[in-house]
Structures are given as structure tokens and as C-alpha cells.
Amino acid sequence: STRHQVSNVRILDQSGEEIAVSAYFTVWRFRNGRDDHYVGRYDYRLRRTDGNLRICYKRAVMDMTVLRPTGAVSIIL
């Protein structure tokens, strides 16, 4: 199973058509009797479409220096 925690969501800029947002994340994965965790920051650009906010850009910036012990990181996206 996988658990995601997003915190410290901050609006950085909302002067144009898009809203720039940053947020910090922790992701835990429990698989094959092992638990791995990933930490970092998300950078988003949101756009208003039909009265809703839509993600038009997302970037995950890892705070980890080594990925080898944890394996695949596709769960972060």
C-alpha cells in the first residue's frame, strides 16, 4: 500500500492566468515486508477552467540524495 501526505501548501504567485503553488510531500510505500519513504517538494501551476482549478504543470523535486535503496519512484507522481 502507499500513503501520501502533502503539507505547507503555499501560493507563490497569482498575477497572471496561472497560479504558482508549492507544497511539500512525504510518500510511504509498504511492499514485500519493506517500507520506503520519499520526501520532497511539488511545484505546481494551476489554471482556472470552467470555474475549477486544473493542474497544468507539476514537478516533483526530491530531497533525497540516493534512490538506490528505495527503487522505483513512479508513485510520487
C-alpha atoms as a PDB file:
ATOM      1  CA  SER A   1       0.000   0.000   0.000  1.00  0.00           C
ATOM      2  CA  THR A   2       1.001   3.619  -0.474  1.00  0.00           C
ATOM      3  CA  ARG A   3       0.270   6.723   1.606  1.00  0.00           C
ATOM      4  CA  HIS A   4       0.790  10.335   0.520  1.00  0.00           C
ATOM      5  CA  GLN A   5       0.987  13.350   2.804  1.00  0.00           C
ATOM      6  CA  VAL A   6       1.037  16.882   1.358  1.00  0.00           C
ATOM      7  CA  SER A   7       1.737  19.876   3.600  1.00  0.00           C
ATOM      8  CA  ASN A   8       2.854  23.517   3.636  1.00  0.00           C
ATOM      9  CA  VAL A   9       0.863  24.387   0.525  1.00  0.00           C
ATOM     10  CA  ARG A  10       1.771  27.953  -0.465  1.00  0.00           C
ATOM     11  CA  ILE A  11       0.615  30.272  -3.217  1.00  0.00           C
ATOM     12  CA  LEU A  12       3.739  31.845  -4.711  1.00  0.00           C
ATOM     13  CA  ASP A  13       2.198  33.986  -7.455  1.00  0.00           C
ATOM     14  CA  GLN A  14      -1.262  34.569  -8.891  1.00  0.00           C
ATOM     15  CA  SER A  15      -0.685  37.628 -11.039  1.00  0.00           C
ATOM     16  CA  GLY A  16      -1.297  36.054 -14.463  1.00  0.00           C
ATOM     17  CA  GLU A  17      -3.627  33.407 -15.845  1.00  0.00           C
ATOM     18  CA  GLU A  18      -1.895  30.725 -13.789  1.00  0.00           C
ATOM     19  CA  ILE A  19      -1.380  30.313 -10.055  1.00  0.00           C
ATOM     20  CA  ALA A  20       2.094  29.168  -8.944  1.00  0.00           C
ATOM     21  CA  VAL A  21       1.935  26.875  -5.904  1.00  0.00           C
ATOM     22  CA  SER A  22       4.494  24.876  -3.921  1.00  0.00           C
ATOM     23  CA  ALA A  23       3.831  22.057  -1.457  1.00  0.00           C
ATOM     24  CA  TYR A  24       5.957  19.577   0.469  1.00  0.00           C
ATOM     25  CA  PHE A  25       5.298  15.835   0.376  1.00  0.00           C
ATOM     26  CA  THR A  26       6.105  12.600   2.104  1.00  0.00           C
ATOM     27  CA  VAL A  27       5.189   9.312   0.440  1.00  0.00           C
ATOM     28  CA  TRP A  28       5.365   5.967   2.219  1.00  0.00           C
ATOM     29  CA  ARG A  29       5.277   2.662   0.352  1.00  0.00           C
ATOM     30  CA  PHE A  30       4.792  -0.675   2.073  1.00  0.00           C
ATOM     31  CA  ARG A  31       5.627  -3.639  -0.146  1.00  0.00           C
ATOM     32  CA  ASN A  32       7.129  -7.122   0.279  1.00  0.00           C
ATOM     33  CA  GLY A  33       7.608  -6.648   4.028  1.00  0.00           C
ATOM     34  CA  ARG A  34       9.558  -3.456   3.479  1.00  0.00           C
ATOM     35  CA  ASP A  35       8.698   0.200   3.961  1.00  0.00           C
ATOM     36  CA  ASP A  36      10.255   3.004   1.932  1.00  0.00           C
ATOM     37  CA  HIS A  37       9.710   6.721   2.197  1.00  0.00           C
ATOM     38  CA  TYR A  38      10.274   9.607  -0.187  1.00  0.00           C
ATOM     39  CA  VAL A  39      10.346  13.313   0.682  1.00  0.00           C
ATOM     40  CA  GLY A  40      10.488  16.454  -1.391  1.00  0.00           C
ATOM     41  CA  ARG A  41       8.611  19.396  -2.868  1.00  0.00           C
ATOM     42  CA  TYR A  42       5.947  19.708  -5.533  1.00  0.00           C
ATOM     43  CA  ASP A  43       5.878  22.753  -7.809  1.00  0.00           C
ATOM     44  CA  TYR A  44       2.500  23.330  -9.453  1.00  0.00           C
ATOM     45  CA  ARG A  45       0.953  25.775 -11.884  1.00  0.00           C
ATOM     46  CA  LEU A  46      -2.821  25.833 -11.692  1.00  0.00           C
ATOM     47  CA  ARG A  47      -5.218  27.296 -14.241  1.00  0.00           C
ATOM     48  CA  ARG A  48      -8.875  28.211 -13.800  1.00  0.00           C
ATOM     49  CA  THR A  49     -11.021  26.274 -16.300  1.00  0.00           C
ATOM     50  CA  ASP A  50     -14.819  26.325 -16.201  1.00  0.00           C
ATOM     51  CA  GLY A  51     -14.782  27.563 -12.605  1.00  0.00           C
ATOM     52  CA  ASN A  52     -12.381  24.811 -11.444  1.00  0.00           C
ATOM     53  CA  LEU A  53      -8.652  24.768 -10.785  1.00  0.00           C
ATOM     54  CA  ARG A  54      -6.731  22.383 -13.067  1.00  0.00           C
ATOM     55  CA  ILE A  55      -3.092  21.367 -12.794  1.00  0.00           C
ATOM     56  CA  CYS A  56      -1.315  22.458 -15.972  1.00  0.00           C
ATOM     57  CA  TYR A  57       2.237  21.822 -14.661  1.00  0.00           C
ATOM     58  CA  LYS A  58       3.620  19.607 -11.903  1.00  0.00           C
ATOM     59  CA  ARG A  59       7.220  18.955 -10.919  1.00  0.00           C
ATOM     60  CA  ALA A  60       8.446  16.745  -8.065  1.00  0.00           C
ATOM     61  CA  VAL A  61      11.802  17.779  -6.573  1.00  0.00           C
ATOM     62  CA  MET A  62      13.264  15.060  -4.362  1.00  0.00           C
ATOM     63  CA  ASP A  63      15.109  15.952  -1.159  1.00  0.00           C
ATOM     64  CA  MET A  64      16.800  12.558  -1.170  1.00  0.00           C
ATOM     65  CA  THR A  65      20.385  12.196  -2.323  1.00  0.00           C
ATOM     66  CA  VAL A  66      20.258   8.454  -3.142  1.00  0.00           C
ATOM     67  CA  LEU A  67      17.430   6.452  -4.745  1.00  0.00           C
ATOM     68  CA  ARG A  68      19.107   3.054  -4.970  1.00  0.00           C
ATOM     69  CA  PRO A  69      17.736   1.631  -1.671  1.00  0.00           C
ATOM     70  CA  THR A  70      14.156   2.627  -2.492  1.00  0.00           C
ATOM     71  CA  GLY A  71      13.822   1.562  -6.130  1.00  0.00           C
ATOM     72  CA  ALA A  72      11.141   2.914  -8.488  1.00  0.00           C
ATOM     73  CA  VAL A  73       9.815   6.393  -7.749  1.00  0.00           C
ATOM     74  CA  SER A  74       6.784   6.456 -10.071  1.00  0.00           C
ATOM     75  CA  ILE A  75       4.466   6.518  -7.009  1.00  0.00           C
ATOM     76  CA  ILE A  76       5.463  10.138  -6.338  1.00  0.00           C
ATOM     77  CA  LEU A  77       3.769  11.411  -9.461  1.00  0.00           C
END
